Amino acid sequence: MNPEPIQDEHPRLMNMLAHAIDEALNGPRQPGIPPRIGFVLLVSEFGQIEGGRVNYISNGERDSMLAMCREYLARAEGRYHEPKEGLAQ
């Protein structure tokens, strides 16, 4: 199994999609100016998740994107609670 984040048959299309999404959300990239909005794109064949493969691409640093995914999953599963005001996150 390929350990890379994208299977061999998907990188061209996923990179084109990621570029289009990033530009739609953040406008054209400016040297030295980081994007304001981050995104994650997950692609998989229906019915192939178990024993299959989920392909990943994003416009952000891996750690930030993983934190974003963890928060989303916690919200989707009903485990997320807003931090109390005044408490450090």
Foldseek 3Di string as FASTA:
>chain_A
DDPDLAPPVPPVVVVVVQVVVQCVQFNDDDPPDQGPDKDKDWDDDPPQPVVHHIHIDIRDDPVVVVVVVVQVVCVVVVNDDDDDPPDDD
